[in-house]
Amino acid sequence: MKKIVVLGAGYAGIKTVVKLQKKMKNEVEITLVDRNSYHYETTRLPEVATGENSYTQISYEINDVIKKSMTTFIQDEVVKINPEEKTVELKNHPELHYDYLVLGLGFTFTSMGIPGVEQYGMPMYNPKTAIEIRDHVLNEMKEYRKDKDKKHLQIVICGAGFKACELAGAFRDAAPRYAKIAGVQPEDIRITSFDASHRLLPMFDGKIYDYAIDAMKKQDLNIIYPSYIKELTEDGVKYNLASDPEDEKPRELRAGTMVWMMGFIGSPVIQTSGFKQRRNRILVDDHLTVPGFENVYSLGDVSNVLQPGKKWPYPNTAQLALSMANYAADDIKARINGQTRPNKYAYHDLGVCVKISEHSKAAAVALGHGYKGYMASVLKKLIADRSLMETGGIKEVIAQGEFDFWH
């Protein structure tokens, strides 16, 4: 009986396991490894970081969706992969042997060599880091009551990409709660983002782009761009504008909270294992396997899939990860059963949606059409529920789904 090992229970990993369980019945032995006992919806981490919801509202136990007759779950950390020997080294368990390996190890952040990031920047990439941000912000509000230093009221987000913009909007929605703790007015809570891009939200254009930018302005979200962060300090951010002379002394913005949302990279296990990679992401072949190791699939945040006719990859999104997992499961099934393999992987982008505020402020492009406001907000929640359905089934949709469509 073939052994399939899946590393990581994020969107790509958990979906691969769920689909193999349906497709392969009890024809294979599956081992799933993750450091946590639960799967969480990465796209909903801002809800935890701002205290809107607890992490249990955006997660479910892995054991709820695995079929124990064919899948074994091991809660542990992956140390190294030995592709030549077809083994996986774990921190606290014996090494695993595999016939097929699926890499779904997720992402982390890098400091990009900027001084002070590791000491003062707070990344958000899992529930633990989101909870740390939540507790830090609440503490800053309490500190303001003591010393009245306005830096405690300033929240900085380093980066203004898709995820960072959603986090900024979530902080603005939470401002009334923060203000009560600090004893100030909601408008006294300041949210500022920095980004080096010359254009925000490049996935949008035309009226949808104009709507998104206008909505952020109306939310009083201050985005300084194009700008370059030079250093994070205990008291705030040092930066330059792109228009500043090269020898210009860095400007400074005092802040009590600095969330680091720049420098996304794949799991460091990829580099440790000796795979050819760039930023811990593997450029996969037509069947999503690692060049030179066709029994190893690399999915989600540890992979790069080039866009047709272009020299750059698709953005790593939950939608892409789920699509890759569907394909990998089908390909593994065909290979094990001696069937014709699927045609080469092709990604069909269904669109993108960004939530700027919980109060029906969102922008989306889906299936060639643009949406804004209430319709885009509903679409965002439907997308989240669809993701839950694909990984956790109807049970998890009922337990964790978003159904407040009146917002």
Protein backbone atom coordinates (compact mmCIF):
# COMPACT_ATOMS: atom_id res chain seq x y z
CA MET A 1 0.00 0.00 0.00
CA LYS A 2 1.43 3.36 -1.06
CA LYS A 3 2.37 5.85 1.66
CA ILE A 4 1.47 9.51 1.16
CA VAL A 5 2.88 12.10 3.55
CA VAL A 6 1.36 15.60 3.64
CA LEU A 7 3.30 18.31 5.46
CA GLY A 8 1.20 21.20 6.69
CA ALA A 9 -2.53 21.48 7.38
CA GLY A 10 -3.13 24.83 5.73
CA TYR A 11 -5.41 25.28 2.73
CA ALA A 12 -3.28 23.14 0.40
CA GLY A 13 -2.42 20.38 2.85
CA ILE A 14 -5.83 19.83 4.43
CA LYS A 15 -7.60 19.97 1.05
CA THR A 16 -5.21 17.38 -0.41
CA VAL A 17 -5.94 15.01 2.47
CA VAL A 18 -9.72 15.53 2.34
CA LYS A 19 -9.84 14.87 -1.40
CA LEU A 20 -7.54 11.82 -1.26
CA GLN A 21 -9.74 10.35 1.45
CA LYS A 22 -12.74 10.64 -0.88
CA LYS A 23 -10.94 9.55 -4.04
CA MET A 24 -8.77 6.72 -2.73
CA LYS A 25 -11.08 5.19 -0.11
CA ASN A 26 -8.75 2.89 1.89
CA GLU A 27 -6.28 2.24 -0.95
CA VAL A 28 -3.44 4.32 0.54
CA GLU A 29 -1.94 5.23 3.88
CA ILE A 30 -1.87 8.99 4.52
CA THR A 31 0.12 10.77 7.21
CA LEU A 32 -0.61 14.45 7.86
CA VAL A 33 1.87 16.50 9.90
CA ASP A 34 1.26 19.95 11.39
CA ARG A 35 2.59 21.79 14.44
CA ASN A 36 -0.96 22.71 15.47
CA SER A 37 -3.91 20.47 16.28
CA TYR A 38 -6.20 22.70 14.22
CA HIS A 39 -6.61 24.17 10.75
CA TYR A 40 -7.21 27.91 10.63
CA GLU A 41 -8.52 30.25 7.95
CA THR A 42 -5.53 32.52 7.26
CA THR A 43 -7.73 35.04 5.47
CA ARG A 44 -9.59 35.70 8.72
CA LEU A 45 -6.58 36.36 10.95
CA PRO A 46 -7.39 40.12 11.15
CA GLU A 47 -10.48 39.17 13.17
CA VAL A 48 -8.21 37.66 15.82
CA ALA A 49 -5.57 40.42 15.68
CA THR A 50 -8.21 43.08 16.38
CA GLY A 51 -10.11 41.08 18.97
CA GLU A 52 -13.27 40.81 16.89
CA ASN A 53 -13.23 37.02 17.27
CA SER A 54 -11.21 34.39 19.08
CA TYR A 55 -9.04 31.99 17.11
CA THR A 56 -11.60 29.24 17.74
CA GLN A 57 -14.03 31.15 15.51
CA ILE A 58 -11.70 30.86 12.52
CA SER A 59 -10.43 27.32 13.08
CA TYR A 60 -11.44 23.70 13.56
CA GLU A 61 -9.72 20.60 14.89
CA ILE A 62 -7.84 18.57 12.27
CA ASN A 63 -9.18 15.35 13.78
CA ASP A 64 -12.69 16.51 12.84
CA VAL A 65 -11.98 16.01 9.13
CA ILE A 66 -9.52 13.13 8.90
CA LYS A 67 -10.66 9.59 8.25
CA LYS A 68 -8.79 7.58 10.85
CA SER A 69 -9.06 4.32 8.89
CA MET A 70 -6.64 5.71 6.30
CA THR A 71 -5.12 8.90 7.72
CA THR A 72 -2.82 9.37 10.71
CA PHE A 73 -2.34 12.86 12.12
CA ILE A 74 0.95 13.74 13.83
CA GLN A 75 1.25 17.00 15.70
CA ASP A 76 4.90 17.94 15.36
CA GLU A 77 7.35 20.25 13.61
CA VAL A 78 9.05 19.30 10.35
CA VAL A 79 12.84 19.60 10.65
CA LYS A 80 14.10 18.45 7.25
CA ILE A 81 13.11 16.56 4.12
CA ASN A 82 15.52 14.10 2.50
CA PRO A 83 14.13 13.69 -1.03
CA GLU A 84 16.84 11.27 -2.15
CA GLU A 85 15.99 8.87 0.70
CA LYS A 86 12.25 9.70 0.61
CA THR A 87 12.19 10.50 4.32
CA VAL A 88 10.98 13.35 6.53
CA GLU A 89 12.67 14.25 9.81
CA LEU A 90 10.42 15.45 12.64
CA LYS A 91 11.34 17.18 15.88
CA ASN A 92 9.69 14.78 18.32
CA HIS A 93 8.74 11.68 16.30
CA PRO A 94 10.62 9.04 14.28
CA GLU A 95 11.31 9.87 10.66
CA LEU A 96 8.63 9.20 8.11
CA HIS A 97 9.03 7.26 4.86
CA TYR A 98 6.92 8.11 1.83
CA ASP A 99 6.12 7.12 -1.74
CA TYR A 100 4.54 10.51 -2.44
CA LEU A 101 5.15 13.71 -0.51
CA VAL A 102 3.00 16.86 -0.52
CA LEU A 103 4.62 20.07 0.71
CA GLY A 104 2.11 22.53 2.14
CA LEU A 105 4.27 24.14 4.80
CA GLY A 106 2.93 27.67 4.50
CA PHE A 107 4.67 31.03 4.80
CA THR A 108 6.48 33.26 7.24
CA PHE A 109 8.13 36.69 7.08
CA THR A 110 11.66 37.99 6.69
CA SER A 111 13.05 41.24 8.07
CA MET A 112 14.44 42.10 4.62
CA GLY A 113 17.60 43.19 6.43
CA ILE A 114 15.91 46.26 7.90
CA PRO A 115 17.24 47.14 11.37
CA GLY A 116 14.83 46.74 14.27
CA VAL A 117 12.27 44.56 12.50
CA GLU A 118 13.03 41.43 14.50
CA GLN A 119 12.95 43.34 17.78
CA TYR A 120 9.96 45.63 17.23
CA GLY A 121 8.01 44.40 14.20
CA MET A 122 5.06 42.09 14.90
CA PRO A 123 4.33 39.70 12.01
CA MET A 124 0.90 38.15 11.51
CA TYR A 125 0.93 34.70 9.94
CA ASN A 126 -0.89 32.38 12.37
CA PRO A 127 -3.31 32.58 15.33
CA LYS A 128 -0.48 32.85 17.86
CA THR A 129 1.02 35.93 16.20
CA ALA A 130 -2.45 37.44 15.73
CA ILE A 131 -3.19 36.99 19.45
CA GLU A 132 0.14 38.63 20.31
CA ILE A 133 -0.84 41.65 18.20
CA ARG A 134 -4.28 41.81 19.84
CA ASP A 135 -2.83 41.76 23.35
CA HIS A 136 -0.14 44.30 22.45
CA VAL A 137 -2.63 46.83 21.06
CA LEU A 138 -4.90 46.49 24.08
CA ASN A 139 -1.91 47.06 26.36
CA GLU A 140 -0.95 50.16 24.37
CA MET A 141 -4.43 51.60 24.94
CA LYS A 142 -4.08 51.00 28.68
CA GLU A 143 -0.63 52.62 28.65
CA TYR A 144 -2.11 55.77 27.13
CA ARG A 145 -4.37 56.18 30.15
CA LYS A 146 -1.25 56.22 32.32
CA ASP A 147 1.11 58.60 30.50
CA LYS A 148 -1.03 60.25 27.76
CA ASP A 149 1.72 59.63 25.21
CA LYS A 150 -0.02 59.67 21.80
CA LYS A 151 2.39 57.14 20.35
CA HIS A 152 0.27 54.46 22.08
CA LEU A 153 -2.67 55.48 19.88
CA GLN A 154 -0.71 55.08 16.62
CA ILE A 155 -0.90 51.68 14.90
CA VAL A 156 1.50 51.22 12.00
CA ILE A 157 1.25 48.50 9.37
CA CYS A 158 4.44 47.96 7.41
CA GLY A 159 3.10 47.01 3.99
CA ALA A 160 -0.06 47.87 2.08
CA GLY A 161 -0.71 44.73 0.09
CA PHE A 162 -3.97 42.80 -0.01
CA LYS A 163 -3.71 41.28 3.48
CA ALA A 164 -2.29 44.47 4.99
CA CYS A 165 -5.17 46.60 3.65
CA GLU A 166 -7.70 44.21 5.16
CA LEU A 167 -5.88 44.36 8.49
CA ALA A 168 -5.85 48.18 8.39
CA GLY A 169 -9.60 48.20 7.79
CA ALA A 170 -10.14 45.76 10.65
CA PHE A 171 -8.15 48.02 13.00
CA ARG A 172 -10.31 50.98 11.98
CA ASP A 173 -13.46 48.96 12.69
CA ALA A 174 -12.04 48.17 16.13
CA ALA A 175 -11.16 51.81 16.91
CA PRO A 176 -14.33 52.48 19.00
CA ARG A 177 -13.42 49.57 21.28
CA TYR A 178 -9.84 50.76 21.59
CA ALA A 179 -11.00 54.31 22.28
CA LYS A 180 -13.10 53.23 25.26
CA ILE A 181 -10.07 51.53 26.81
CA ALA A 182 -7.80 54.53 26.16
CA GLY A 183 -10.42 57.09 27.19
CA VAL A 184 -10.31 58.94 23.85
CA GLN A 185 -12.45 59.41 20.76
CA PRO A 186 -12.32 56.77 17.97
CA GLU A 187 -10.78 59.30 15.57
CA ASP A 188 -7.84 59.66 17.97
CA ILE A 189 -6.81 56.10 17.13
CA ARG A 190 -4.50 56.49 14.14
CA ILE A 191 -3.81 53.75 11.57
CA THR A 192 -0.95 54.31 9.11
CA SER A 193 0.45 51.96 6.45
CA PHE A 194 3.73 52.18 4.56
CA ASP A 195 4.40 50.62 1.17
CA ALA A 196 7.06 50.90 -1.52
CA SER A 197 4.61 50.39 -4.39
CA HIS A 198 3.66 53.27 -6.65
CA ARG A 199 0.14 51.88 -7.00
CA LEU A 200 -1.99 50.18 -4.37
CA LEU A 201 -4.19 47.13 -4.99
CA PRO A 202 -2.88 46.35 -8.49
CA MET A 203 -5.53 43.63 -8.94
CA PHE A 204 -8.15 46.36 -9.44
CA ASP A 205 -8.57 49.06 -12.05
CA GLY A 206 -11.17 51.52 -13.30
CA LYS A 207 -14.20 52.21 -11.11
CA ILE A 208 -13.48 49.33 -8.74
CA TYR A 209 -10.00 50.68 -8.05
CA ASP A 210 -11.35 54.19 -7.52
CA TYR A 211 -13.99 52.85 -5.14
CA ALA A 212 -11.44 50.88 -3.09
CA ILE A 213 -9.06 53.84 -2.72
CA ASP A 214 -11.91 56.20 -1.86
CA ALA A 215 -13.27 53.75 0.72
CA MET A 216 -9.89 53.57 2.43
CA LYS A 217 -9.69 57.36 2.55
CA LYS A 218 -13.19 57.57 4.05
CA GLN A 219 -12.08 55.04 6.66
CA ASP A 220 -9.33 57.51 7.56
CA LEU A 221 -6.63 55.01 6.69
CA ASN A 222 -3.39 56.87 6.12
CA ILE A 223 -1.21 55.11 3.53
CA ILE A 224 2.22 56.60 2.89
CA TYR A 225 3.48 55.44 -0.51
CA PRO A 226 5.78 55.03 -2.26
CA SER A 227 7.95 54.96 0.84
CA TYR A 228 10.87 52.96 2.15
CA ILE A 229 11.17 51.88 5.77
CA LYS A 230 14.71 52.39 7.02
CA GLU A 231 14.41 51.21 10.60
CA LEU A 232 11.98 50.22 13.34
CA THR A 233 12.74 51.49 16.82
CA GLU A 234 11.16 51.22 20.22
CA ASP A 235 9.41 54.52 19.52
CA GLY A 236 8.28 54.08 15.94
CA VAL A 237 9.23 53.99 12.26
CA LYS A 238 12.02 55.73 10.37
CA TYR A 239 11.33 56.06 6.65
CA ASN A 240 11.94 58.00 3.46
CA LEU A 241 9.61 58.89 0.63
CA ALA A 242 10.59 57.76 -2.85
CA SER A 243 10.85 61.44 -3.78
CA ASP A 244 13.38 62.23 -1.04
CA PRO A 245 17.03 62.80 -2.02
CA GLU A 246 19.23 59.76 -1.42
CA ASP A 247 21.09 61.45 1.43
CA GLU A 248 17.90 62.75 3.06
CA LYS A 249 17.69 62.09 6.79
CA PRO A 250 14.89 59.57 7.50
CA ARG A 251 11.55 60.92 8.58
CA GLU A 252 10.04 59.55 11.78
CA LEU A 253 6.57 58.50 12.87
CA ARG A 254 6.12 57.66 16.54
CA ALA A 255 4.05 54.55 17.14
CA GLY A 256 3.34 52.04 19.88
CA THR A 257 2.34 49.18 17.57
CA MET A 258 4.18 48.16 14.40
CA VAL A 259 2.76 45.20 12.50
CA TRP A 260 5.16 43.72 9.93
CA MET A 261 3.37 42.67 6.74
CA MET A 262 6.28 42.72 4.28
CA GLY A 263 8.76 40.14 3.08
CA PHE A 264 6.55 37.05 2.68
CA ILE A 265 8.62 33.89 2.19
CA GLY A 266 7.90 30.18 2.24
CA SER A 267 8.79 27.85 5.11
CA PRO A 268 12.54 27.77 5.89
CA VAL A 269 12.34 23.96 5.81
CA ILE A 270 12.44 24.23 2.00
CA GLN A 271 15.91 25.75 2.03
CA THR A 272 17.11 23.51 4.87
CA SER A 273 16.14 20.47 2.80
CA GLY A 274 18.31 21.55 -0.13
CA PHE A 275 15.58 22.14 -2.71
CA LYS A 276 16.31 24.61 -5.48
CA GLN A 277 14.25 27.58 -4.40
CA ARG A 278 13.81 31.31 -4.36
CA ARG A 279 12.57 32.87 -1.14
CA ASN A 280 11.79 29.33 0.05
CA ARG A 281 9.44 28.76 -2.88
CA ILE A 282 9.96 26.06 -5.48
CA LEU A 283 9.25 26.68 -9.16
CA VAL A 284 7.15 23.58 -9.87
CA ASP A 285 6.73 21.72 -13.15
CA ASP A 286 3.55 21.16 -15.18
CA HIS A 287 2.23 18.61 -12.66
CA LEU A 288 3.08 20.73 -9.59
CA THR A 289 5.99 18.46 -8.70
CA VAL A 290 9.52 19.45 -7.78
CA PRO A 291 11.95 19.31 -10.72
CA GLY A 292 14.16 16.27 -10.21
CA PHE A 293 11.78 14.72 -7.66
CA GLU A 294 8.52 13.91 -9.41
CA ASN A 295 7.11 12.15 -6.34
CA VAL A 296 7.25 15.43 -4.37
CA TYR A 297 4.46 18.00 -4.85
CA SER A 298 4.96 21.59 -3.74
CA LEU A 299 1.74 23.55 -3.17
CA GLY A 300 0.57 26.90 -1.85
CA ASP A 301 3.04 29.26 -0.22
CA VAL A 302 6.08 27.04 -0.80
CA SER A 303 5.56 26.98 -4.57
CA ASN A 304 5.69 29.25 -7.58
CA VAL A 305 3.46 28.69 -10.62
CA LEU A 306 4.34 30.93 -13.55
CA GLN A 307 1.48 32.77 -15.21
CA PRO A 308 1.12 31.79 -18.89
CA GLY A 309 3.26 33.99 -21.12
CA LYS A 310 4.79 35.84 -18.16
CA LYS A 311 7.98 35.64 -16.15
CA TRP A 312 6.35 36.03 -12.75
CA PRO A 313 4.20 33.66 -10.71
CA TYR A 314 0.61 33.85 -9.57
CA PRO A 315 0.09 35.53 -6.18
CA ASN A 316 -0.06 32.92 -3.42
CA THR A 317 -3.70 32.97 -2.34
CA ALA A 318 -6.05 30.56 -0.59
CA GLN A 319 -7.90 30.11 -3.89
CA LEU A 320 -4.68 29.09 -5.66
CA ALA A 321 -3.72 26.70 -2.84
CA LEU A 322 -7.10 24.92 -2.96
CA SER A 323 -6.90 24.65 -6.76
CA MET A 324 -3.41 23.15 -6.58
CA ALA A 325 -4.52 20.66 -3.92
CA ASN A 326 -7.41 19.47 -6.08
CA TYR A 327 -5.05 18.88 -8.97
CA ALA A 328 -2.35 17.15 -6.88
CA ALA A 329 -4.88 14.72 -5.38
CA ASP A 330 -6.18 13.82 -8.85
CA ASP A 331 -2.65 13.38 -10.18
CA ILE A 332 -1.57 11.17 -7.28
CA LYS A 333 -4.67 9.00 -7.67
CA ALA A 334 -4.04 8.55 -11.41
CA ARG A 335 -0.40 7.61 -10.88
CA ILE A 336 -1.13 5.09 -8.12
CA ASN A 337 -3.93 3.44 -10.13
CA GLY A 338 -1.94 3.39 -13.36
CA GLN A 339 -4.38 5.73 -15.09
CA THR A 340 -3.73 8.52 -17.56
CA ARG A 341 -2.50 11.56 -15.67
CA PRO A 342 -4.43 14.85 -15.88
CA ASN A 343 -3.33 17.44 -18.40
CA LYS A 344 -0.78 19.92 -17.10
CA TYR A 345 -1.96 22.15 -14.29
CA ALA A 346 -3.85 25.29 -15.33
CA TYR A 347 -5.09 27.81 -12.83
CA HIS A 348 -8.49 29.39 -13.44
CA ASP A 349 -8.62 32.54 -11.34
CA LEU A 350 -12.17 33.16 -10.14
CA GLY A 351 -11.33 36.64 -8.92
CA VAL A 352 -10.28 38.56 -5.83
CA CYS A 353 -12.11 40.40 -3.08
CA VAL A 354 -10.73 42.79 -0.46
CA LYS A 355 -12.68 43.79 2.66
CA ILE A 356 -11.99 47.39 3.65
CA SER A 357 -14.54 47.55 6.46
CA GLU A 358 -16.98 45.20 8.15
CA HIS A 359 -19.72 47.69 7.28
CA SER A 360 -20.25 46.61 3.67
CA LYS A 361 -17.14 48.34 2.35
CA ALA A 362 -15.44 45.90 0.00
CA ALA A 363 -14.24 45.69 -3.59
CA ALA A 364 -14.12 42.62 -5.80
CA VAL A 365 -13.48 41.35 -9.30
CA ALA A 366 -15.02 37.94 -9.99
CA LEU A 367 -15.48 36.08 -13.28
CA GLY A 368 -14.74 39.22 -15.23
CA HIS A 369 -17.18 41.46 -13.37
CA GLY A 370 -16.51 44.17 -10.81
CA TYR A 371 -18.40 44.51 -7.53
CA LYS A 372 -18.29 47.10 -4.78
CA GLY A 373 -19.97 47.89 -1.50
CA TYR A 374 -22.62 45.54 -0.18
CA MET A 375 -22.45 43.04 -3.06
CA ALA A 376 -18.68 42.74 -2.74
CA SER A 377 -19.02 42.30 1.03
CA VAL A 378 -21.49 39.43 0.55
CA LEU A 379 -19.19 37.90 -2.05
CA LYS A 380 -16.28 38.03 0.40
CA LYS A 381 -18.26 36.03 2.96
CA LEU A 382 -19.46 33.54 0.38
CA ILE A 383 -15.84 32.97 -0.68
CA ALA A 384 -14.85 32.32 2.95
CA ASP A 385 -17.74 29.87 3.39
CA ARG A 386 -16.81 28.09 0.16
CA SER A 387 -13.25 27.65 1.43
CA LEU A 388 -14.59 26.13 4.64
CA MET A 389 -16.82 23.80 2.65
CA GLU A 390 -13.88 22.56 0.57
CA THR A 391 -11.71 21.73 3.56
CA GLY A 392 -14.06 21.05 6.46
CA GLY A 393 -17.41 20.21 4.89
CA ILE A 394 -20.89 21.30 5.88
CA LYS A 395 -20.22 20.71 9.60
CA GLU A 396 -17.49 23.33 9.74
CA VAL A 397 -19.44 25.76 7.55
CA ILE A 398 -22.33 25.63 10.03
CA ALA A 399 -19.96 26.02 12.98
CA GLN A 400 -17.56 28.65 11.62
CA GLY A 401 -19.21 30.13 8.51
CA GLU A 402 -20.04 33.79 7.93
CA PHE A 403 -23.78 34.32 7.53
CA ASP A 404 -24.26 37.94 8.63
CA PHE A 405 -25.00 39.10 5.08
CA TRP A 406 -26.90 42.14 6.31
CA HIS A 407 -23.62 43.96 7.10
